[in-house]
Protein backbone atom coordinates (compact mmCIF):
# COMPACT_ATOMS: atom_id res chain seq x y z
CA UNK A 1 -65.53 -79.60 -36.23
CA UNK A 2 -68.03 -76.96 -35.18
CA UNK A 3 -68.68 -73.68 -36.95
CA UNK A 4 -66.34 -71.46 -34.92
CA UNK A 5 -67.77 -68.86 -32.58
CA UNK A 6 -66.01 -65.49 -32.79
CA UNK A 7 -64.57 -64.89 -29.33
CA UNK A 8 -64.81 -61.20 -28.46
CA UNK A 9 -65.46 -61.34 -24.71
CA UNK A 10 -64.15 -63.78 -22.09
CA UNK A 11 -65.54 -64.31 -18.57
CA UNK A 12 -63.40 -65.82 -15.81
CA UNK A 13 -64.76 -67.86 -12.89
CA UNK A 14 -62.36 -68.81 -10.10
CA UNK A 15 -62.46 -71.52 -7.43
CA UNK A 16 -63.19 -69.84 -4.06
CA UNK A 17 -60.38 -69.51 -1.52
CA UNK A 18 -57.72 -70.79 -3.92
CA UNK A 19 -54.78 -68.38 -4.13
CA UNK A 20 -53.06 -70.15 -7.03
CA UNK A 21 -56.23 -70.14 -9.15
CA UNK A 22 -56.76 -66.44 -8.38
CA UNK A 23 -53.17 -65.63 -9.36
CA UNK A 24 -53.72 -67.47 -12.65
CA UNK A 25 -56.92 -65.48 -13.23
CA UNK A 26 -55.07 -62.18 -12.77
CA UNK A 27 -52.35 -63.30 -15.17
CA UNK A 28 -54.98 -64.45 -17.66
CA UNK A 29 -56.65 -61.01 -17.63
CA UNK A 30 -53.40 -59.40 -18.76
CA UNK A 31 -52.77 -62.14 -21.34
CA UNK A 32 -56.22 -61.60 -22.88
CA UNK A 33 -55.93 -57.79 -22.86
CA UNK A 34 -52.64 -58.07 -24.76
CA UNK A 35 -54.60 -59.87 -27.49
CA UNK A 36 -57.40 -57.27 -27.55
CA UNK A 37 -59.92 -59.69 -26.02
CA UNK A 38 -62.50 -57.97 -23.78
CA UNK A 39 -63.06 -59.21 -20.22
CA UNK A 40 -66.65 -59.71 -18.99
CA UNK A 41 -66.19 -57.91 -15.66
CA UNK A 42 -63.71 -58.91 -12.98
CA UNK A 43 -62.85 -62.58 -12.32
CA UNK A 44 -65.68 -63.97 -10.19
CA UNK A 45 -65.60 -66.41 -7.24
CA UNK A 46 -68.93 -68.22 -6.64
CA UNK A 47 -69.90 -70.03 -3.45
CA UNK A 48 -69.92 -73.79 -3.92
CA UNK A 49 -71.18 -75.13 -0.58
CA UNK A 50 -74.87 -75.62 0.17
CA UNK A 51 -76.13 -72.73 2.25
CA UNK A 52 -73.25 -70.42 1.36
CA UNK A 53 -74.13 -67.10 -0.21
CA UNK A 54 -72.36 -65.98 -3.37
CA UNK A 55 -71.88 -62.31 -4.11
CA UNK A 56 -74.00 -61.23 -7.05
CA UNK A 57 -72.12 -62.00 -10.30
CA UNK A 58 -71.57 -59.07 -12.66
CA UNK A 59 -74.34 -58.80 -15.27
CA UNK A 60 -71.62 -58.62 -17.91
CA UNK A 61 -70.77 -62.28 -17.20
CA UNK A 62 -73.76 -63.37 -19.29
CA UNK A 63 -72.34 -61.50 -22.30
CA UNK A 64 -69.21 -63.66 -22.52
CA UNK A 65 -68.59 -65.71 -25.66
CA UNK A 66 -66.20 -67.91 -23.68
CA UNK A 67 -66.06 -68.75 -19.98
CA UNK A 68 -62.71 -69.83 -18.55
CA UNK A 69 -63.28 -71.74 -15.32
CA UNK A 70 -60.31 -72.15 -12.97
CA UNK A 71 -61.39 -74.78 -10.45
CA UNK A 72 -62.97 -78.20 -10.16
CA UNK A 73 -66.37 -79.70 -10.89
CA UNK A 74 -68.04 -77.62 -8.18
CA UNK A 75 -66.89 -74.41 -9.83
CA UNK A 76 -68.08 -75.69 -13.21
CA UNK A 77 -71.52 -76.47 -11.75
CA UNK A 78 -71.68 -72.96 -10.28
CA UNK A 79 -70.81 -71.55 -13.71
CA UNK A 80 -73.73 -73.41 -15.31
CA UNK A 81 -76.02 -71.50 -12.94
CA UNK A 82 -74.26 -68.13 -13.38
CA UNK A 83 -74.58 -67.89 -17.16
CA UNK A 84 -78.39 -67.86 -17.10
CA UNK A 85 -79.91 -68.49 -20.53
CA UNK A 86 -76.65 -67.76 -22.35
CA UNK A 87 -74.74 -70.55 -24.10
CA UNK A 88 -71.07 -69.54 -24.16
CA UNK A 89 -68.24 -71.94 -24.74
CA UNK A 90 -66.82 -73.18 -21.42
CA UNK A 91 -63.14 -74.04 -20.94
CA UNK A 92 -62.45 -75.90 -17.69
CA UNK A 93 -58.94 -75.62 -16.22
CA UNK A 94 -58.45 -78.19 -13.46
CA UNK A 95 -57.69 -76.72 -10.06
CA UNK A 96 -59.84 -79.28 -8.27
CA UNK A 97 -59.40 -82.93 -7.31
CA UNK A 98 -61.86 -85.44 -8.80
CA UNK A 99 -62.66 -83.54 -11.99
CA UNK A 100 -64.96 -85.00 -14.65
CA UNK A 101 -65.69 -81.60 -16.23
CA UNK A 102 -62.42 -79.67 -15.99
CA UNK A 103 -60.57 -81.40 -18.80
CA UNK A 104 -57.50 -79.18 -19.24
CA UNK A 105 -54.38 -78.92 -17.10
CA UNK A 106 -53.06 -75.47 -16.22
CA UNK A 107 -50.07 -75.89 -18.55
CA UNK A 108 -52.50 -76.47 -21.44
CA UNK A 109 -54.51 -73.29 -20.86
CA UNK A 110 -52.77 -70.88 -23.24
CA UNK A 111 -52.50 -73.48 -26.02
CA UNK A 112 -56.19 -74.31 -25.65
CA UNK A 113 -57.17 -70.63 -25.74
CA UNK A 114 -55.11 -70.01 -28.89
CA UNK A 115 -56.82 -72.97 -30.57
CA UNK A 116 -60.26 -71.65 -29.57
CA UNK A 117 -59.49 -68.17 -30.93
CA UNK A 118 -58.48 -69.82 -34.22
CA UNK A 119 -61.76 -71.80 -34.32
CA UNK A 120 -59.98 -75.11 -33.79
CA UNK A 121 -62.04 -76.89 -31.12
CA UNK A 122 -64.74 -79.47 -30.45
CA UNK A 123 -67.82 -78.93 -28.28
CA UNK A 124 -69.36 -81.40 -25.85
CA UNK A 125 -72.95 -80.16 -25.41
CA UNK A 126 -74.23 -81.29 -22.01
CA UNK A 127 -77.95 -81.53 -21.26
CA UNK A 128 -79.24 -79.47 -18.33
CA UNK A 129 -82.55 -79.71 -16.47
CA UNK A 130 -84.86 -77.00 -15.18
CA UNK A 131 -86.66 -77.56 -11.87
CA UNK A 132 -89.61 -75.70 -10.33
CA UNK A 133 -90.59 -75.98 -6.66
CA UNK A 134 -94.33 -75.43 -6.22
CA UNK A 135 -96.65 -75.27 -3.20
CA UNK A 136 -100.27 -75.33 -4.28
CA UNK A 137 -100.50 -72.88 -7.18
CA UNK A 138 -97.51 -70.85 -6.00
CA UNK A 139 -94.07 -71.29 -7.59
CA UNK A 140 -91.59 -70.89 -4.74
CA UNK A 141 -88.34 -71.29 -6.66
CA UNK A 142 -86.82 -72.46 -9.91
CA UNK A 143 -83.36 -73.18 -11.19
CA UNK A 144 -81.26 -74.94 -13.78
CA UNK A 145 -79.02 -77.90 -12.95
CA UNK A 146 -76.12 -79.56 -14.71
CA UNK A 147 -75.88 -82.56 -12.37
CA UNK A 148 -79.01 -83.38 -10.41
CA UNK A 149 -82.22 -82.49 -8.62
CA UNK A 150 -82.43 -84.21 -5.22
CA UNK A 151 -85.10 -84.53 -2.54
CA UNK A 152 -83.44 -85.69 0.67
CA UNK A 153 -84.34 -86.04 4.33
CA UNK A 154 -82.36 -84.85 7.33
CA UNK A 155 -80.12 -87.39 9.03
CA UNK A 156 -82.55 -88.16 11.89
CA UNK A 157 -85.84 -87.69 10.02
CA UNK A 158 -88.25 -90.53 9.29
CA UNK A 159 -88.31 -92.23 5.91
CA UNK A 160 -90.10 -90.10 3.30
CA UNK A 161 -92.54 -90.97 0.53
CA UNK A 162 -92.26 -89.36 -2.90
CA UNK A 163 -94.83 -89.89 -5.66
CA UNK A 164 -93.40 -89.82 -9.18
CA UNK A 165 -95.25 -89.10 -12.43
CA UNK A 166 -93.85 -89.08 -15.96
CA UNK A 167 -95.85 -86.89 -18.41
CA UNK A 168 -98.77 -87.21 -15.99
CA UNK A 169 -98.57 -91.03 -15.82
CA UNK A 170 -98.15 -92.52 -12.35
CA UNK A 171 -94.78 -94.29 -11.98
CA UNK A 172 -94.48 -95.20 -8.30
CA UNK A 173 -94.49 -93.87 -4.74
CA UNK A 174 -90.96 -94.33 -3.48
CA UNK A 175 -90.41 -94.77 0.25
CA UNK A 176 -86.77 -93.97 0.79
CA UNK A 177 -84.29 -91.55 2.33
CA UNK A 178 -84.65 -89.49 -0.82
CA UNK A 179 -84.70 -89.42 -4.61
CA UNK A 180 -82.21 -88.26 -7.24
CA UNK A 181 -83.08 -87.09 -10.75
CA UNK A 182 -79.78 -86.99 -12.59
CA UNK A 183 -78.54 -85.85 -15.99
CA UNK A 184 -75.95 -87.99 -17.81
CA UNK A 185 -73.32 -85.53 -16.54
CA UNK A 186 -74.52 -86.04 -12.97
CA UNK A 187 -74.62 -89.82 -13.30
CA UNK A 188 -71.04 -89.99 -11.95
CA UNK A 189 -71.92 -87.83 -8.91
CA UNK A 190 -74.53 -88.51 -6.18
CA UNK A 191 -76.35 -90.91 -8.52
CA UNK A 192 -73.31 -93.19 -8.67
CA UNK A 193 -72.91 -93.14 -4.87
CA UNK A 194 -76.55 -94.19 -4.51
CA UNK A 195 -76.11 -97.18 -6.82
CA UNK A 196 -77.31 -95.61 -10.07
CA UNK A 197 -75.78 -96.34 -13.50
CA UNK A 198 -73.13 -94.37 -15.33
CA UNK A 199 -74.74 -92.79 -18.41
CA UNK A 200 -72.68 -91.73 -21.43
CA UNK A 201 -72.74 -87.88 -21.55
CA UNK A 202 -74.37 -87.59 -24.98
CA UNK A 203 -77.34 -89.85 -24.11
CA UNK A 204 -80.79 -88.22 -24.21
CA UNK A 205 -81.78 -89.61 -20.84
CA UNK A 206 -82.24 -88.84 -17.16
CA UNK A 207 -81.87 -91.29 -14.28
CA UNK A 208 -84.29 -91.59 -11.36
CA UNK A 209 -82.46 -93.17 -8.40
CA UNK A 210 -83.97 -93.79 -4.93
CA UNK A 211 -81.64 -93.21 -1.98
CA UNK A 212 -81.66 -96.18 0.43
CA UNK A 213 -85.15 -97.37 -0.61
CA UNK A 214 -87.35 -99.11 1.97
CA UNK A 215 -88.21 -101.74 -0.65
CA UNK A 216 -85.12 -103.24 -2.26
CA UNK A 217 -86.97 -103.90 -5.53
CA UNK A 218 -87.16 -100.12 -6.09
CA UNK A 219 -84.29 -99.73 -8.54
CA UNK A 220 -82.94 -96.84 -10.64
CA UNK A 221 -84.97 -96.04 -13.77
CA UNK A 222 -83.63 -94.49 -16.98
CA UNK A 223 -86.16 -92.12 -18.57
CA UNK A 224 -86.28 -89.94 -21.72
CA UNK A 225 -84.96 -86.42 -21.11
CA UNK A 226 -87.78 -84.74 -23.06
CA UNK A 227 -90.45 -85.91 -20.58
CA UNK A 228 -91.87 -83.85 -17.71
CA UNK A 229 -91.13 -85.46 -14.35
CA UNK A 230 -93.26 -84.53 -11.34
CA UNK A 231 -92.20 -85.35 -7.79
CA UNK A 232 -94.66 -84.90 -4.90
CA UNK A 233 -93.65 -85.18 -1.26
CA UNK A 234 -96.47 -87.24 0.26
CA UNK A 235 -95.86 -87.10 4.01
CA UNK A 236 -95.23 -84.31 6.50
CA UNK A 237 -91.65 -84.63 7.68
CA UNK A 238 -89.40 -81.97 9.12
CA UNK A 239 -86.02 -81.53 7.52
CA UNK A 240 -86.85 -82.53 3.92
CA UNK A 241 -84.84 -80.44 1.47
CA UNK A 242 -84.86 -79.97 -2.29
CA UNK A 243 -81.30 -79.38 -3.54
CA UNK A 244 -80.21 -78.25 -6.99
CA UNK A 245 -76.75 -79.48 -7.94
CA UNK A 246 -75.96 -79.78 -4.23
CA UNK A 247 -75.43 -76.01 -4.05
CA UNK A 248 -78.91 -74.48 -3.69
CA UNK A 249 -81.38 -75.75 -1.07
CA UNK A 250 -85.12 -75.25 -0.45
CA UNK A 251 -87.13 -76.62 2.49
CA UNK A 252 -90.07 -78.79 1.44
CA UNK A 253 -93.50 -79.31 3.07
CA UNK A 254 -96.04 -82.08 2.62
CA UNK A 255 -97.60 -82.13 -0.88
CA UNK A 256 -94.99 -79.76 -2.32
CA UNK A 257 -94.33 -80.52 -6.00
CA UNK A 258 -91.13 -80.43 -8.04
CA UNK A 259 -91.55 -80.21 -11.82
CA UNK A 260 -88.49 -81.15 -13.86
CA UNK A 261 -88.06 -80.51 -17.59
CA UNK A 262 -85.17 -80.48 -20.03
CA UNK A 263 -83.59 -77.04 -20.27
CA UNK A 264 -83.70 -75.27 -23.62
CA UNK A 265 -80.03 -74.41 -23.20
CA UNK A 266 -77.01 -76.69 -23.03
CA UNK A 267 -73.68 -76.43 -21.22
CA UNK A 268 -71.08 -76.26 -23.98
CA UNK A 269 -67.76 -77.73 -22.86
CA UNK A 270 -64.66 -77.30 -24.99
CA UNK A 271 -63.09 -80.74 -25.42
CA UNK A 272 -59.39 -81.55 -25.46
CA UNK A 273 -58.09 -83.12 -28.70
CA UNK A 274 -58.61 -86.89 -28.92
CA UNK A 275 -60.60 -86.95 -25.68
CA UNK A 276 -61.88 -90.39 -24.65
CA UNK A 277 -64.61 -90.44 -22.00
CA UNK A 278 -63.63 -93.97 -21.01
CA UNK A 279 -60.10 -92.79 -20.29
CA UNK A 280 -61.65 -90.32 -17.86
CA UNK A 281 -63.72 -93.04 -16.18
CA UNK A 282 -60.78 -95.42 -15.88
CA UNK A 283 -58.63 -92.68 -14.39
CA UNK A 284 -61.20 -91.19 -12.00
CA UNK A 285 -62.77 -94.48 -10.85
CA UNK A 286 -59.45 -96.35 -10.86
CA UNK A 287 -60.78 -99.24 -12.93
CA UNK A 288 -58.39 -102.17 -13.20
CA UNK A 289 -56.28 -101.09 -10.20
């Protein structure tokens, strides 16, 4: 049991274009107000698709002690980006499909909230990574990810070459369609589709997985999460994109660098009672069926 956090302010993030989730958010606002719990601005709908533009979230969202997320994994990933350097509790209510992060059903929401207000909850602290995109000495962009950092080529582009260093030590130059650097949380996402391993969420590790490597002996590598990973795009190739959690994209040029470090902050998921991660895997991946 964790030392309970006093919940004074609640933020609400809602799956975009989902009328039922929005109706639940409006009902939740009234339910919280009746219990003298402050709301961190209006319920907010982020954009989840790559290239889509979200409206600016209210600054008050970062003041929330608890974030209630009504959606699926995409909405949860957006929430990890919205909260900045804050570390609120996050309660995921499943309005998505294949949800690894939204653990609670809608009918469990009020019961879960009452338990949280009473200090009766467990926290699953998920590691996040921070990525910087650099060109020469200029830092073009940076961001935090819950799932993965990916360098990928356009569908018709030539194979790309990416040099990898770990704490300054040369690892390899991967010739492939791309490269994934995944957290344990993201190991069941793009990493899994590319043939990478499933990593238990509490492991202090990241996974480096080449996408369709030119050399079949280039296999996924599990690395410590406290190391600095540097990726350098070696060849000029139009259409190479750096993506953060599949939701933010940046065009890359030859010799651009991506520096990846463990984030100082974690994503703090509220767990259901008696949660078993292997139950989730068996259910989502349909093991034994």
